[in-house]
């Protein structure tokens, strides 16, 4: 019984995390930003799909008491691939530190 409650909690957390990841990957703020590469969006989409597929693995156990091990279906690899794409994108194209400032402060000129 305790294991089933744990799986329900895990499934609900995975659904919540997957929705947050998918919404953030598809947000206009991330897609229209020129300071990061498209690898972030692609990696987040794949990781979000991996979380949803993990939920799909838990559903047969929760509803029908059929235990599926993650090795019977290789859907869990999507999370690893997505996080790997985000990491590689970060290493290849790190976020720019030269962000445009809203105000430029004038430099003081030396007195003659």
PDB file of N, CA and C in Angstrom:
ATOM      1  N   UNK A   1       0.824  -1.199   0.000  1.00  0.00           N
ATOM      2  CA  UNK A   1       0.000   0.000   0.000  1.00  0.00           C
ATOM      3  C   UNK A   1       0.866   1.260   0.000  1.00  0.00           C
ATOM      4  N   UNK A   2       1.918   1.232   0.821  1.00  0.00           N
ATOM      5  CA  UNK A   2       2.797   2.402   0.902  1.00  0.00           C
ATOM      6  C   UNK A   2       3.519   2.640  -0.426  1.00  0.00           C
ATOM      7  N   UNK A   3       3.856   1.540  -1.111  1.00  0.00           N
ATOM      8  CA  UNK A   3       4.525   1.675  -2.403  1.00  0.00           C
ATOM      9  C   UNK A   3       3.602   2.328  -3.434  1.00  0.00           C
ATOM     10  N   UNK A   4       2.328   1.997  -3.371  1.00  0.00           N
ATOM     11  CA  UNK A   4       1.371   2.579  -4.313  1.00  0.00           C
ATOM     12  C   UNK A   4       1.196   4.075  -4.053  1.00  0.00           C
ATOM     13  N   UNK A   5       1.167   4.480  -2.798  1.00  0.00           N
ATOM     14  CA  UNK A   5       1.072   5.908  -2.464  1.00  0.00           C
ATOM     15  C   UNK A   5       2.314   6.635  -2.957  1.00  0.00           C
ATOM     16  N   UNK A   6       3.465   6.008  -2.791  1.00  0.00           N
ATOM     17  CA  UNK A   6       4.714   6.607  -3.260  1.00  0.00           C
ATOM     18  C   UNK A   6       4.693   6.793  -4.784  1.00  0.00           C
ATOM     19  N   UNK A   7       4.181   5.810  -5.498  1.00  0.00           N
ATOM     20  CA  UNK A   7       4.091   5.933  -6.952  1.00  0.00           C
ATOM     21  C   UNK A   7       3.084   6.995  -7.378  1.00  0.00           C
ATOM     22  N   UNK A   8       1.980   7.145  -6.646  1.00  0.00           N
ATOM     23  CA  UNK A   8       1.029   8.223  -6.961  1.00  0.00           C
ATOM     24  C   UNK A   8       1.681   9.586  -6.783  1.00  0.00           C
ATOM     25  N   UNK A   9       2.420   9.740  -5.691  1.00  0.00           N
ATOM     26  CA  UNK A   9       3.103  11.018  -5.443  1.00  0.00           C
ATOM     27  C   UNK A   9       4.152  11.266  -6.525  1.00  0.00           C
ATOM     28  N   UNK A  10       4.923  10.241  -6.851  1.00  0.00           N
ATOM     29  CA  UNK A  10       5.948  10.374  -7.891  1.00  0.00           C
ATOM     30  C   UNK A  10       5.324  10.727  -9.237  1.00  0.00           C
ATOM     31  N   UNK A  11       4.213  10.120  -9.549  1.00  0.00           N
ATOM     32  CA  UNK A  11       3.541  10.395 -10.815  1.00  0.00           C
ATOM     33  C   UNK A  11       3.019  11.824 -10.869  1.00  0.00           C
ATOM     34  N   UNK A  12       2.420  12.292  -9.788  1.00  0.00           N
ATOM     35  CA  UNK A  12       1.915  13.667  -9.761  1.00  0.00           C
ATOM     36  C   UNK A  12       3.049  14.685  -9.841  1.00  0.00           C
ATOM     37  N   UNK A  13       4.161  14.398  -9.169  1.00  0.00           N
ATOM     38  CA  UNK A  13       5.318  15.299  -9.240  1.00  0.00           C
ATOM     39  C   UNK A  13       5.882  15.312 -10.661  1.00  0.00           C
ATOM     40  N   UNK A  14       5.963  14.146 -11.293  1.00  0.00           N
ATOM     41  CA  UNK A  14       6.470  14.087 -12.669  1.00  0.00           C
ATOM     42  C   UNK A  14       5.581  14.853 -13.640  1.00  0.00           C
ATOM     43  N   UNK A  15       4.270  14.760 -13.467  1.00  0.00           N
ATOM     44  CA  UNK A  15       3.358  15.514 -14.331  1.00  0.00           C
ATOM     45  C   UNK A  15       3.575  17.012 -14.142  1.00  0.00           C
ATOM     46  N   UNK A  16       3.687  17.446 -12.894  1.00  0.00           N
ATOM     47  CA  UNK A  16       3.888  18.861 -12.598  1.00  0.00           C
ATOM     48  C   UNK A  16       5.210  19.362 -13.176  1.00  0.00           C
ATOM     49  N   UNK A  17       6.276  18.602 -12.982  1.00  0.00           N
ATOM     50  CA  UNK A  17       7.594  18.996 -13.499  1.00  0.00           C
ATOM     51  C   UNK A  17       7.590  19.005 -15.028  1.00  0.00           C
ATOM     52  N   UNK A  18       6.968  18.009 -15.638  1.00  0.00           N
ATOM     53  CA  UNK A  18       6.916  17.957 -17.101  1.00  0.00           C
ATOM     54  C   UNK A  18       6.162  19.150 -17.670  1.00  0.00           C
ATOM     55  N   UNK A  19       5.067  19.535 -17.037  1.00  0.00           N
ATOM     56  CA  UNK A  19       4.322  20.700 -17.519  1.00  0.00           C
ATOM     57  C   UNK A  19       5.140  21.978 -17.397  1.00  0.00           C
ATOM     58  N   UNK A  20       5.854  22.135 -16.293  1.00  0.00           N
ATOM     59  CA  UNK A  20       6.700  23.323 -16.124  1.00  0.00           C
ATOM     60  C   UNK A  20       7.799  23.352 -17.189  1.00  0.00           C
ATOM     61  N   UNK A  21       8.433  22.220 -17.427  1.00  0.00           N
ATOM     62  CA  UNK A  21       9.507  22.161 -18.419  1.00  0.00           C
ATOM     63  C   UNK A  21       8.970  22.445 -19.817  1.00  0.00           C
ATOM     64  N   UNK A  22       7.843  21.835 -20.168  1.00  0.00           N
ATOM     65  CA  UNK A  22       7.290  22.044 -21.510  1.00  0.00           C
ATOM     66  C   UNK A  22       6.818  23.476 -21.712  1.00  0.00           C
ATOM     67  N   UNK A  23       6.198  24.064 -20.702  1.00  0.00           N
ATOM     68  CA  UNK A  23       5.756  25.458 -20.825  1.00  0.00           C
ATOM     69  C   UNK A  23       6.952  26.391 -20.954  1.00  0.00           C
ATOM     70  N   UNK A  24       7.994  26.138 -20.168  1.00  0.00           N
ATOM     71  CA  UNK A  24       9.168  27.013 -20.261  1.00  0.00           C
ATOM     72  C   UNK A  24       9.902  26.820 -21.585  1.00  0.00           C
ATOM     73  N   UNK A  25       9.901  25.613 -22.124  1.00  0.00           N
ATOM     74  CA  UNK A  25      10.568  25.385 -23.407  1.00  0.00           C
ATOM     75  C   UNK A  25       9.825  26.043 -24.556  1.00  0.00           C
ATOM     76  N   UNK A  26       8.522  26.189 -24.422  1.00  0.00           N
ATOM     77  CA  UNK A  26       7.723  26.779 -25.494  1.00  0.00           C
ATOM     78  C   UNK A  26       7.382  28.240 -25.255  1.00  0.00           C
ATOM     79  N   UNK A  27       7.922  28.835 -24.197  1.00  0.00           N
ATOM     80  CA  UNK A  27       7.590  30.227 -23.904  1.00  0.00           C
ATOM     81  C   UNK A  27       8.247  31.152 -24.924  1.00  0.00           C
ATOM     82  N   UNK A  28       7.581  32.243 -25.211  1.00  0.00           N
ATOM     83  CA  UNK A  28       8.110  33.208 -26.183  1.00  0.00           C
ATOM     84  C   UNK A  28       9.375  33.870 -25.671  1.00  0.00           C
ATOM     85  N   UNK A  29       9.488  34.019 -24.366  1.00  0.00           N
ATOM     86  CA  UNK A  29      10.668  34.660 -23.803  1.00  0.00           C
ATOM     87  C   UNK A  29      11.917  33.834 -24.089  1.00  0.00           C
ATOM     88  N   UNK A  30      11.798  32.508 -24.036  1.00  0.00           N
ATOM     89  CA  UNK A  30      12.951  31.666 -24.317  1.00  0.00           C
ATOM     90  C   UNK A  30      13.184  31.531 -25.817  1.00  0.00           C
ATOM     91  N   UNK A  31      12.115  31.415 -26.587  1.00  0.00           N
ATOM     92  CA  UNK A  31      12.271  31.211 -28.030  1.00  0.00           C
ATOM     93  C   UNK A  31      12.767  32.454 -28.749  1.00  0.00           C
ATOM     94  N   UNK A  32      12.433  33.639 -28.261  1.00  0.00           N
ATOM     95  CA  UNK A  32      12.820  34.882 -28.930  1.00  0.00           C
ATOM     96  C   UNK A  32      14.107  35.482 -28.387  1.00  0.00           C
ATOM     97  N   UNK A  33      14.762  34.810 -27.494  1.00  0.00           N
ATOM     98  CA  UNK A  33      15.992  35.324 -26.917  1.00  0.00           C
ATOM     99  C   UNK A  33      17.156  35.001 -27.840  1.00  0.00           C
ATOM    100  N   UNK A  34      17.960  35.992 -28.107  1.00  0.00           N
ATOM    101  CA  UNK A  34      19.113  35.781 -28.978  1.00  0.00           C
ATOM    102  C   UNK A  34      20.363  35.445 -28.178  1.00  0.00           C
ATOM    103  N   UNK A  35      20.269  35.473 -26.873  1.00  0.00           N
ATOM    104  CA  UNK A  35      21.450  35.264 -26.047  1.00  0.00           C
ATOM    105  C   UNK A  35      21.711  33.798 -25.750  1.00  0.00           C
ATOM    106  N   UNK A  36      20.778  32.919 -26.068  1.00  0.00           N
ATOM    107  CA  UNK A  36      20.987  31.493 -25.852  1.00  0.00           C
ATOM    108  C   UNK A  36      20.722  30.759 -27.153  1.00  0.00           C
ATOM    109  N   UNK A  37      21.237  29.560 -27.250  1.00  0.00           N
ATOM    110  CA  UNK A  37      21.073  28.802 -28.485  1.00  0.00           C
ATOM    111  C   UNK A  37      19.741  28.055 -28.487  1.00  0.00           C
ATOM    112  N   UNK A  38      19.379  27.540 -29.624  1.00  0.00           N
ATOM    113  CA  UNK A  38      18.139  26.765 -29.758  1.00  0.00           C
ATOM    114  C   UNK A  38      18.259  25.400 -29.080  1.00  0.00           C
ATOM    115  N   UNK A  39      19.474  25.013 -28.747  1.00  0.00           N
ATOM    116  CA  UNK A  39      19.671  23.733 -28.070  1.00  0.00           C
ATOM    117  C   UNK A  39      18.973  23.661 -26.730  1.00  0.00           C
ATOM    118  N   UNK A  40      18.852  24.805 -26.055  1.00  0.00           N
ATOM    119  CA  UNK A  40      18.142  24.824 -24.783  1.00  0.00           C
ATOM    120  C   UNK A  40      16.680  24.438 -24.976  1.00  0.00           C
ATOM    121  N   UNK A  41      16.035  25.030 -25.969  1.00  0.00           N
ATOM    122  CA  UNK A  41      14.621  24.727 -26.211  1.00  0.00           C
ATOM    123  C   UNK A  41      14.431  23.274 -26.623  1.00  0.00           C
ATOM    124  N   UNK A  42      15.285  22.800 -27.501  1.00  0.00           N
ATOM    125  CA  UNK A  42      15.172  21.413 -27.963  1.00  0.00           C
ATOM    126  C   UNK A  42      15.422  20.447 -26.808  1.00  0.00           C
ATOM    127  N   UNK A  43      16.455  20.713 -26.021  1.00  0.00           N
ATOM    128  CA  UNK A  43      16.756  19.848 -24.884  1.00  0.00           C
ATOM    129  C   UNK A  43      15.655  19.844 -23.842  1.00  0.00           C
ATOM    130  N   UNK A  44      15.082  21.012 -23.570  1.00  0.00           N
ATOM    131  CA  UNK A  44      13.988  21.070 -22.604  1.00  0.00           C
ATOM    132  C   UNK A  44      12.753  20.347 -23.119  1.00  0.00           C
ATOM    133  N   UNK A  45      12.462  20.456 -24.404  1.00  0.00           N
ATOM    134  CA  UNK A  45      11.326  19.724 -24.969  1.00  0.00           C
ATOM    135  C   UNK A  45      11.514  18.215 -24.834  1.00  0.00           C
ATOM    136  N   UNK A  46      12.699  17.727 -25.154  1.00  0.00           N
ATOM    137  CA  UNK A  46      12.964  16.292 -25.058  1.00  0.00           C
ATOM    138  C   UNK A  46      12.909  15.834 -23.606  1.00  0.00           C
ATOM    139  N   UNK A  47      13.449  16.625 -22.680  1.00  0.00           N
ATOM    140  CA  UNK A  47      13.387  16.256 -21.260  1.00  0.00           C
ATOM    141  C   UNK A  47      11.944  16.253 -20.756  1.00  0.00           C
ATOM    142  N   UNK A  48      11.143  17.215 -21.183  1.00  0.00           N
ATOM    143  CA  UNK A  48       9.732  17.245 -20.788  1.00  0.00           C
ATOM    144  C   UNK A  48       8.973  16.040 -21.316  1.00  0.00           C
ATOM    145  N   UNK A  49       9.270  15.645 -22.543  1.00  0.00           N
ATOM    146  CA  UNK A  49       8.648  14.440 -23.102  1.00  0.00           C
ATOM    147  C   UNK A  49       9.093  13.210 -22.314  1.00  0.00           C
ATOM    148  N   UNK A  50      10.350  13.185 -21.892  1.00  0.00           N
ATOM    149  CA  UNK A  50      10.838  12.073 -21.077  1.00  0.00           C
ATOM    150  C   UNK A  50      10.113  11.964 -19.749  1.00  0.00           C
ATOM    151  N   UNK A  51       9.834  13.101 -19.113  1.00  0.00           N
ATOM    152  CA  UNK A  51       9.071  13.073 -17.865  1.00  0.00           C
ATOM    153  C   UNK A  51       7.656  12.554 -18.103  1.00  0.00           C
ATOM    154  N   UNK A  52       7.015  12.984 -19.197  1.00  0.00           N
ATOM    155  CA  UNK A  52       5.661  12.498 -19.485  1.00  0.00           C
ATOM    156  C   UNK A  52       5.663  11.000 -19.798  1.00  0.00           C
ATOM    157  N   UNK A  53       6.695  10.517 -20.458  1.00  0.00           N
ATOM    158  CA  UNK A  53       6.781   9.087 -20.726  1.00  0.00           C
ATOM    159  C   UNK A  53       7.031   8.298 -19.446  1.00  0.00           C
ATOM    160  N   UNK A  54       7.737   8.882 -18.496  1.00  0.00           N
ATOM    161  CA  UNK A  54       7.910   8.220 -17.207  1.00  0.00           C
ATOM    162  C   UNK A  54       6.571   8.102 -16.487  1.00  0.00           C
ATOM    163  N   UNK A  55       5.727   9.104 -16.632  1.00  0.00           N
ATOM    164  CA  UNK A  55       4.373   9.023 -16.078  1.00  0.00           C
ATOM    165  C   UNK A  55       3.615   7.882 -16.748  1.00  0.00           C
ATOM    166  N   UNK A  56       3.787   7.737 -18.062  1.00  0.00           N
ATOM    167  CA  UNK A  56       3.109   6.662 -18.782  1.00  0.00           C
ATOM    168  C   UNK A  56       3.580   5.289 -18.321  1.00  0.00           C
ATOM    169  N   UNK A  57       4.818   5.180 -17.864  1.00  0.00           N
ATOM    170  CA  UNK A  57       5.311   3.912 -17.329  1.00  0.00           C
ATOM    171  C   UNK A  57       4.654   3.611 -15.983  1.00  0.00           C
ATOM    172  N   UNK A  58       4.395   4.636 -15.170  1.00  0.00           N
ATOM    173  CA  UNK A  58       3.812   4.426 -13.846  1.00  0.00           C
ATOM    174  C   UNK A  58       2.318   4.115 -13.883  1.00  0.00           C
ATOM    175  N   UNK A  59       1.623   4.531 -14.926  1.00  0.00           N
ATOM    176  CA  UNK A  59       0.159   4.381 -14.973  1.00  0.00           C
ATOM    177  C   UNK A  59      -0.291   2.915 -14.934  1.00  0.00           C
ATOM    178  N   UNK A  60       0.322   1.976 -15.670  1.00  0.00           N
ATOM    179  CA  UNK A  60      -0.143   0.584 -15.560  1.00  0.00           C
ATOM    180  C   UNK A  60      -0.039   0.025 -14.140  1.00  0.00           C
ATOM    181  N   UNK A  61       0.989   0.407 -13.413  1.00  0.00           N
ATOM    182  CA  UNK A  61       1.107  -0.061 -12.031  1.00  0.00           C
ATOM    183  C   UNK A  61       0.021   0.547 -11.158  1.00  0.00           C
ATOM    184  N   UNK A  62      -0.246   1.817 -11.352  1.00  0.00           N
ATOM    185  CA  UNK A  62      -1.236   2.486 -10.515  1.00  0.00           C
ATOM    186  C   UNK A  62      -2.652   1.993 -10.787  1.00  0.00           C
ATOM    187  N   UNK A  63      -2.969   1.709 -12.022  1.00  0.00           N
ATOM    188  CA  UNK A  63      -4.341   1.331 -12.363  1.00  0.00           C
ATOM    189  C   UNK A  63      -4.581  -0.179 -12.383  1.00  0.00           C
ATOM    190  N   UNK A  64      -3.597  -0.953 -12.863  1.00  0.00           N
ATOM    191  CA  UNK A  64      -3.830  -2.382 -13.087  1.00  0.00           C
ATOM    192  C   UNK A  64      -2.900  -3.288 -12.288  1.00  0.00           C
ATOM    193  N   UNK A  65      -2.048  -2.739 -11.436  1.00  0.00           N
ATOM    194  CA  UNK A  65      -1.073  -3.506 -10.642  1.00  0.00           C
ATOM    195  C   UNK A  65      -0.123  -4.333 -11.511  1.00  0.00           C
ATOM    196  N   UNK A  66       0.195  -3.824 -12.671  1.00  0.00           N
ATOM    197  CA  UNK A  66       1.175  -4.447 -13.551  1.00  0.00           C
ATOM    198  C   UNK A  66       2.478  -3.682 -13.385  1.00  0.00           C
ATOM    199  N   UNK A  67       3.504  -4.365 -12.963  1.00  0.00           N
ATOM    200  CA  UNK A  67       4.781  -3.703 -12.705  1.00  0.00           C
ATOM    201  C   UNK A  67       5.619  -3.722 -13.980  1.00  0.00           C
ATOM    202  N   UNK A  68       5.907  -2.555 -14.488  1.00  0.00           N
ATOM    203  CA  UNK A  68       6.798  -2.401 -15.634  1.00  0.00           C
ATOM    204  C   UNK A  68       8.119  -1.839 -15.132  1.00  0.00           C
ATOM    205  N   UNK A  69       9.185  -2.520 -15.423  1.00  0.00           N
ATOM    206  CA  UNK A  69      10.486  -1.963 -15.071  1.00  0.00           C
ATOM    207  C   UNK A  69      10.882  -0.976 -16.159  1.00  0.00           C
ATOM    208  N   UNK A  70      11.674   0.006 -15.812  1.00  0.00           N
ATOM    209  CA  UNK A  70      12.087   0.979 -16.839  1.00  0.00           C
ATOM    210  C   UNK A  70      12.871   0.346 -17.984  1.00  0.00           C
ATOM    211  N   UNK A  71      13.432  -0.844 -17.746  1.00  0.00           N
ATOM    212  CA  UNK A  71      14.231  -1.470 -18.791  1.00  0.00           C
ATOM    213  C   UNK A  71      13.364  -2.178 -19.827  1.00  0.00           C
ATOM    214  N   UNK A  72      12.070  -2.395 -19.522  1.00  0.00           N
ATOM    215  CA  UNK A  72      11.181  -2.973 -20.520  1.00  0.00           C
ATOM    216  C   UNK A  72      10.821  -1.950 -21.587  1.00  0.00           C
ATOM    217  N   UNK A  73      10.885  -0.705 -21.235  1.00  0.00           N
ATOM    218  CA  UNK A  73      10.652   0.360 -22.209  1.00  0.00           C
ATOM    219  C   UNK A  73      11.739   1.409 -22.017  1.00  0.00           C
ATOM    220  N   UNK A  74      12.356   1.790 -23.096  1.00  0.00           N
ATOM    221  CA  UNK A  74      13.514   2.681 -22.994  1.00  0.00           C
ATOM    222  C   UNK A  74      13.117   4.152 -23.058  1.00  0.00           C
ATOM    223  N   UNK A  75      11.923   4.496 -22.561  1.00  0.00           N
ATOM    224  CA  UNK A  75      11.474   5.880 -22.610  1.00  0.00           C
ATOM    225  C   UNK A  75      12.244   6.777 -21.645  1.00  0.00           C
ATOM    226  N   UNK A  76      12.784   6.183 -20.578  1.00  0.00           N
ATOM    227  CA  UNK A  76      13.477   7.000 -19.589  1.00  0.00           C
ATOM    228  C   UNK A  76      14.710   7.674 -20.168  1.00  0.00           C
ATOM    229  N   UNK A  77      15.194   7.190 -21.290  1.00  0.00           N
ATOM    230  CA  UNK A  77      16.396   7.760 -21.886  1.00  0.00           C
ATOM    231  C   UNK A  77      16.151   9.162 -22.434  1.00  0.00           C
ATOM    232  N   UNK A  78      14.881   9.512 -22.699  1.00  0.00           N
ATOM    233  CA  UNK A  78      14.577  10.842 -23.217  1.00  0.00           C
ATOM    234  C   UNK A  78      14.985  11.931 -22.231  1.00  0.00           C
ATOM    235  N   UNK A  79      14.795  11.684 -20.934  1.00  0.00           N
ATOM    236  CA  UNK A  79      15.212  12.685 -19.942  1.00  0.00           C
ATOM    237  C   UNK A  79      16.716  12.890 -19.996  1.00  0.00           C
ATOM    238  N   UNK A  80      17.450  11.793 -20.085  1.00  0.00           N
ATOM    239  CA  UNK A  80      18.908  11.892 -20.129  1.00  0.00           C
ATOM    240  C   UNK A  80      19.385  12.586 -21.401  1.00  0.00           C
ATOM    241  N   UNK A  81      18.769  12.280 -22.515  1.00  0.00           N
ATOM    242  CA  UNK A  81      19.153  12.920 -23.777  1.00  0.00           C
ATOM    243  C   UNK A  81      18.849  14.412 -23.731  1.00  0.00           C
ATOM    244  N   UNK A  82      17.679  14.776 -23.206  1.00  0.00           N
ATOM    245  CA  UNK A  82      17.308  16.193 -23.121  1.00  0.00           C
ATOM    246  C   UNK A  82      18.251  16.991 -22.245  1.00  0.00           C
ATOM    247  N   UNK A  83      18.577  16.447 -21.074  1.00  0.00           N
ATOM    248  CA  UNK A  83      19.514  17.141 -20.181  1.00  0.00           C
ATOM    249  C   UNK A  83      20.898  17.197 -20.817  1.00  0.00           C
ATOM    250  N   UNK A  84      21.274  16.162 -21.551  1.00  0.00           N
ATOM    251  CA  UNK A  84      22.559  16.175 -22.251  1.00  0.00           C
ATOM    252  C   UNK A  84      22.623  17.248 -23.326  1.00  0.00           C
ATOM    253  N   UNK A  85      21.532  17.442 -24.056  1.00  0.00           N
ATOM    254  CA  UNK A  85      21.497  18.483 -25.089  1.00  0.00           C
ATOM    255  C   UNK A  85      21.606  19.867 -24.458  1.00  0.00           C
ATOM    256  N   UNK A  86      20.910  20.077 -23.348  1.00  0.00           N
ATOM    257  CA  UNK A  86      21.006  21.373 -22.659  1.00  0.00           C
ATOM    258  C   UNK A  86      22.432  21.607 -22.182  1.00  0.00           C
ATOM    259  N   UNK A  87      23.064  20.575 -21.631  1.00  0.00           N
ATOM    260  CA  UNK A  87      24.433  20.711 -21.129  1.00  0.00           C
ATOM    261  C   UNK A  87      25.415  20.984 -22.262  1.00  0.00           C
ATOM    262  N   UNK A  88      25.292  20.259 -23.354  1.00  0.00           N
ATOM    263  CA  UNK A  88      26.190  20.477 -24.491  1.00  0.00           C
ATOM    264  C   UNK A  88      25.978  21.867 -25.084  1.00  0.00           C
ATOM    265  N   UNK A  89      24.723  22.297 -25.165  1.00  0.00           N
ATOM    266  CA  UNK A  89      24.446  23.647 -25.675  1.00  0.00           C
ATOM    267  C   UNK A  89      25.063  24.709 -24.780  1.00  0.00           C
ATOM    268  N   UNK A  90      25.019  24.476 -23.479  1.00  0.00           N
ATOM    269  CA  UNK A  90      25.614  25.435 -22.549  1.00  0.00           C
ATOM    270  C   UNK A  90      27.131  25.477 -22.716  1.00  0.00           C
ATOM    271  N   UNK A  91      27.754  24.319 -22.928  1.00  0.00           N
ATOM    272  CA  UNK A  91      29.211  24.294 -23.086  1.00  0.00           C
ATOM    273  C   UNK A  91      29.646  24.905 -24.416  1.00  0.00           C
ATOM    274  N   UNK A  92      28.885  24.672 -25.469  1.00  0.00           N
ATOM    275  CA  UNK A  92      29.254  25.204 -26.785  1.00  0.00           C
ATOM    276  C   UNK A  92      28.936  26.688 -26.886  1.00  0.00           C
ATOM    277  N   UNK A  93      27.745  27.079 -26.446  1.00  0.00           N
ATOM    278  CA  UNK A  93      27.297  28.469 -26.519  1.00  0.00           C
ATOM    279  C   UNK A  93      26.897  28.938 -25.122  1.00  0.00           C
ATOM    280  N   UNK A  94      27.860  29.341 -24.292  1.00  0.00           N
ATOM    281  CA  UNK A  94      27.472  29.822 -22.956  1.00  0.00           C
ATOM    282  C   UNK A  94      26.655  31.104 -23.060  1.00  0.00           C
ATOM    283  N   UNK A  95      25.801  31.370 -22.081  1.00  0.00           N
ATOM    284  CA  UNK A  95      25.008  32.608 -22.120  1.00  0.00           C
ATOM    285  C   UNK A  95      25.916  33.828 -22.192  1.00  0.00           C
ATOM    286  N   UNK A  96      25.506  34.796 -22.971  1.00  0.00           N
ATOM    287  CA  UNK A  96      26.304  35.997 -23.176  1.00  0.00           C
ATOM    288  C   UNK A  96      26.301  36.850 -21.919  1.00  0.00           C
ATOM    289  N   UNK A  97      27.467  37.372 -21.576  1.00  0.00           N
ATOM    290  CA  UNK A  97      27.550  38.275 -20.428  1.00  0.00           C
ATOM    291  C   UNK A  97      27.453  39.725 -20.864  1.00  0.00           C
ATOM    292  N   UNK A  98      27.423  39.966 -22.166  1.00  0.00           N
ATOM    293  CA  UNK A  98      27.335  41.330 -22.684  1.00  0.00           C
ATOM    294  C   UNK A  98      25.884  41.701 -22.956  1.00  0.00           C
ATOM    295  N   UNK A  99      25.062  41.602 -21.959  1.00  0.00           N
ATOM    296  CA  UNK A  99      23.661  41.955 -22.116  1.00  0.00           C
ATOM    297  C   UNK A  99      23.534  43.461 -22.250  1.00  0.00           C
ATOM    298  N   UNK A 100      22.632  43.931 -23.081  1.00  0.00           N
ATOM    299  CA  UNK A 100      22.484  45.383 -23.218  1.00  0.00           C
ATOM    300  C   UNK A 100      21.910  45.981 -21.941  1.00  0.00           C
ATOM    301  N   UNK A 101      22.527  47.042 -21.497  1.00  0.00           N
ATOM    302  CA  UNK A 101      22.035  47.692 -20.282  1.00  0.00           C
ATOM    303  C   UNK A 101      20.986  48.728 -20.656  1.00  0.00           C
ATOM    304  N   UNK A 102      20.111  49.024 -19.716  1.00  0.00           N
ATOM    305  CA  UNK A 102      19.040  49.973 -20.009  1.00  0.00           C
ATOM    306  C   UNK A 102      19.559  51.405 -20.031  1.00  0.00           C
ATOM    307  N   UNK A 103      20.578  51.686 -19.250  1.00  0.00           N
ATOM    308  CA  UNK A 103      21.156  53.037 -19.223  1.00  0.00           C
ATOM    309  C   UNK A 103      22.661  52.930 -19.355  1.00  0.00           C
ATOM    310  N   UNK A 104      23.197  53.770 -20.169  1.00  0.00           N
ATOM    311  CA  UNK A 104      24.648  53.839 -20.300  1.00  0.00           C
ATOM    312  C   UNK A 104      25.132  55.029 -19.490  1.00  0.00           C
ATOM    313  N   UNK A 105      26.055  54.773 -18.622  1.00  0.00           N
ATOM    314  CA  UNK A 105      26.599  55.843 -17.799  1.00  0.00           C
ATOM    315  C   UNK A 105      27.750  56.507 -18.546  1.00  0.00           C
ATOM    316  N   UNK A 106      27.753  57.831 -18.618  1.00  0.00           N
ATOM    317  CA  UNK A 106      28.854  58.510 -19.315  1.00  0.00           C
ATOM    318  C   UNK A 106      30.146  58.371 -18.510  1.00  0.00           C
ATOM    319  N   UNK A 107      31.218  58.215 -19.248  1.00  0.00           N
ATOM    320  CA  UNK A 107      32.515  58.120 -18.592  1.00  0.00           C
ATOM    321  C   UNK A 107      32.991  59.521 -18.221  1.00  0.00           C
ATOM    322  N   UNK A 108      33.613  59.625 -17.082  1.00  0.00           N
ATOM    323  CA  UNK A 108      34.161  60.921 -16.673  1.00  0.00           C
ATOM    324  C   UNK A 108      35.442  61.172 -17.453  1.00  0.00           C
ATOM    325  N   UNK A 109      35.531  62.350 -17.987  1.00  0.00           N
ATOM    326  CA  UNK A 109      36.735  62.712 -18.724  1.00  0.00           C
ATOM    327  C   UNK A 109      37.715  63.364 -17.769  1.00  0.00           C
ATOM    328  N   UNK A 110      38.941  63.143 -18.059  1.00  0.00           N
ATOM    329  CA  UNK A 110      39.980  63.726 -17.212  1.00  0.00           C
ATOM    330  C   UNK A 110      40.017  65.237 -17.419  1.00  0.00           C
ATOM    331  N   UNK A 111      40.163  65.973 -16.333  1.00  0.00           N
ATOM    332  CA  UNK A 111      40.222  67.444 -16.408  1.00  0.00           C
ATOM    333  C   UNK A 111      41.567  67.856 -16.971  1.00  0.00           C
ATOM    334  N   UNK A 112      41.553  68.876 -17.822  1.00  0.00           N
ATOM    335  CA  UNK A 112      42.802  69.354 -18.418  1.00  0.00           C
ATOM    336  C   UNK A 112      43.344  70.526 -17.663  1.00  0.00           C
TER     337      UNK A 112
END
